[in-house]
Amino acid sequence: MKEFFASANAGLIGLLFFFVFFIGVVVWVMRPGSKEKYKEDAQIPLKETQE
């Protein structure tokens, strides 16, 4: 296990992992049909509570 963390490629693997994760998040946010959901969610703090 120690050899994996001391590997010269560990930094590259980490960089690729986080890059793919970031691209995945961007694709998830920009997917078709999500605009209306985010508009509704943006209005939550402004809604009146009915208590």
N, C-alpha and C. Protein backbone atom coordinates (compact mmCIF):
# COMPACT_ATOMS: atom_id res chain seq x y z
N MET A 1 0.83 -1.19 0.00
CA MET A 1 0.00 0.00 0.00
C MET A 1 0.88 1.25 0.00
N LYS A 2 2.00 1.18 0.68
CA LYS A 2 2.88 2.33 0.76
C LYS A 2 3.43 2.69 -0.62
N GLU A 3 3.64 1.70 -1.47
CA GLU A 3 4.17 1.96 -2.79
C GLU A 3 3.17 2.74 -3.66
N PHE A 4 1.87 2.53 -3.43
CA PHE A 4 0.87 3.25 -4.20
C PHE A 4 0.91 4.74 -3.88
N PHE A 5 0.98 5.08 -2.59
CA PHE A 5 0.97 6.48 -2.20
C PHE A 5 2.30 7.17 -2.51
N ALA A 6 3.36 6.41 -2.64
CA ALA A 6 4.66 6.97 -2.97
C ALA A 6 4.91 6.95 -4.47
N SER A 7 3.93 6.51 -5.22
CA SER A 7 4.08 6.38 -6.67
C SER A 7 4.23 7.76 -7.33
N ALA A 8 5.01 7.80 -8.39
CA ALA A 8 5.18 9.04 -9.14
C ALA A 8 3.91 9.39 -9.91
N ASN A 9 3.05 8.42 -10.14
CA ASN A 9 1.81 8.65 -10.88
C ASN A 9 0.62 9.01 -10.00
N ALA A 10 0.79 9.01 -8.69
CA ALA A 10 -0.32 9.28 -7.79
C ALA A 10 -0.88 10.68 -8.01
N GLY A 11 -0.04 11.65 -8.23
CA GLY A 11 -0.51 13.01 -8.47
C GLY A 11 -1.32 13.11 -9.75
N LEU A 12 -0.87 12.45 -10.79
CA LEU A 12 -1.59 12.44 -12.06
C LEU A 12 -2.93 11.74 -11.93
N ILE A 13 -2.95 10.64 -11.20
CA ILE A 13 -4.20 9.92 -10.98
C ILE A 13 -5.19 10.79 -10.22
N GLY A 14 -4.73 11.47 -9.19
CA GLY A 14 -5.59 12.37 -8.43
C GLY A 14 -6.11 13.51 -9.28
N LEU A 15 -5.24 14.10 -10.09
CA LEU A 15 -5.65 15.18 -10.97
C LEU A 15 -6.72 14.71 -11.95
N LEU A 16 -6.53 13.56 -12.55
CA LEU A 16 -7.51 13.02 -13.49
C LEU A 16 -8.84 12.71 -12.81
N PHE A 17 -8.76 12.15 -11.61
CA PHE A 17 -9.98 11.83 -10.86
C PHE A 17 -10.79 13.09 -10.59
N PHE A 18 -10.17 14.14 -10.08
CA PHE A 18 -10.90 15.36 -9.76
C PHE A 18 -11.36 16.10 -11.02
N PHE A 19 -10.61 16.01 -12.10
CA PHE A 19 -11.04 16.61 -13.36
C PHE A 19 -12.30 15.91 -13.88
N VAL A 20 -12.30 14.59 -13.86
CA VAL A 20 -13.47 13.83 -14.31
C VAL A 20 -14.66 14.11 -13.40
N PHE A 21 -14.43 14.21 -12.10
CA PHE A 21 -15.50 14.53 -11.15
C PHE A 21 -16.08 15.91 -11.45
N PHE A 22 -15.22 16.90 -11.68
CA PHE A 22 -15.66 18.26 -11.98
C PHE A 22 -16.50 18.29 -13.26
N ILE A 23 -16.03 17.61 -14.30
CA ILE A 23 -16.77 17.56 -15.56
C ILE A 23 -18.12 16.87 -15.35
N GLY A 24 -18.14 15.83 -14.53
CA GLY A 24 -19.39 15.14 -14.23
C GLY A 24 -20.39 16.04 -13.53
N VAL A 25 -19.92 16.85 -12.60
CA VAL A 25 -20.81 17.79 -11.90
C VAL A 25 -21.35 18.83 -12.87
N VAL A 26 -20.50 19.35 -13.73
CA VAL A 26 -20.95 20.34 -14.72
C VAL A 26 -21.99 19.74 -15.65
N VAL A 27 -21.77 18.52 -16.11
CA VAL A 27 -22.74 17.86 -16.99
C VAL A 27 -24.05 17.64 -16.25
N TRP A 28 -23.98 17.25 -14.98
CA TRP A 28 -25.20 17.02 -14.19
C TRP A 28 -26.00 18.31 -14.02
N VAL A 29 -25.32 19.41 -13.77
CA VAL A 29 -26.02 20.68 -13.55
C VAL A 29 -26.61 21.20 -14.86
N MET A 30 -25.92 21.01 -15.96
CA MET A 30 -26.37 21.54 -17.25
C MET A 30 -27.25 20.58 -18.04
N ARG A 31 -27.69 19.50 -17.43
CA ARG A 31 -28.50 18.52 -18.16
C ARG A 31 -29.85 19.14 -18.55
N PRO A 32 -30.44 18.65 -19.64
CA PRO A 32 -31.73 19.19 -20.09
C PRO A 32 -32.82 18.99 -19.03
N GLY A 33 -33.64 19.98 -18.86
CA GLY A 33 -34.75 19.88 -17.92
C GLY A 33 -34.43 20.32 -16.51
N SER A 34 -33.21 20.67 -16.22
CA SER A 34 -32.86 21.04 -14.85
C SER A 34 -33.08 22.52 -14.56
N LYS A 35 -33.27 23.33 -15.59
CA LYS A 35 -33.40 24.76 -15.39
C LYS A 35 -34.62 25.10 -14.51
N GLU A 36 -35.76 24.48 -14.79
CA GLU A 36 -36.96 24.75 -14.00
C GLU A 36 -36.79 24.33 -12.55
N LYS A 37 -36.14 23.21 -12.33
CA LYS A 37 -35.90 22.74 -10.96
C LYS A 37 -35.07 23.74 -10.19
N TYR A 38 -34.02 24.26 -10.81
CA TYR A 38 -33.15 25.21 -10.12
C TYR A 38 -33.84 26.55 -9.92
N LYS A 39 -34.73 26.94 -10.82
CA LYS A 39 -35.50 28.17 -10.62
C LYS A 39 -36.42 28.04 -9.40
N GLU A 40 -37.07 26.88 -9.28
CA GLU A 40 -37.93 26.64 -8.12
C GLU A 40 -37.12 26.63 -6.83
N ASP A 41 -35.98 25.96 -6.84
CA ASP A 41 -35.14 25.89 -5.65
C ASP A 41 -34.59 27.25 -5.26
N ALA A 42 -34.35 28.13 -6.22
CA ALA A 42 -33.83 29.46 -5.93
C ALA A 42 -34.86 30.32 -5.20
N GLN A 43 -36.13 30.00 -5.34
CA GLN A 43 -37.19 30.79 -4.73
C GLN A 43 -37.55 30.31 -3.31
N ILE A 44 -36.99 29.23 -2.86
CA ILE A 44 -37.34 28.68 -1.54
C ILE A 44 -37.14 29.69 -0.40
N PRO A 45 -36.02 30.43 -0.33
CA PRO A 45 -35.86 31.37 0.79
C PRO A 45 -36.86 32.53 0.75
N LEU A 46 -37.46 32.79 -0.38
CA LEU A 46 -38.36 33.93 -0.52
C LEU A 46 -39.82 33.58 -0.28
N LYS A 47 -40.13 32.29 -0.16
CA LYS A 47 -41.51 31.86 0.01
C LYS A 47 -41.98 32.11 1.44
N GLU A 48 -43.26 32.43 1.56
CA GLU A 48 -43.87 32.63 2.87
C GLU A 48 -44.18 31.25 3.48
N THR A 49 -43.97 31.14 4.77
CA THR A 49 -44.33 29.89 5.44
C THR A 49 -45.79 29.99 5.88
N GLN A 50 -46.47 28.87 5.87
CA GLN A 50 -47.88 28.84 6.26
C GLN A 50 -48.02 28.12 7.59
N GLU A 51 -47.69 28.82 8.66
CA GLU A 51 -47.79 28.22 10.00
C GLU A 51 -48.88 28.86 10.77
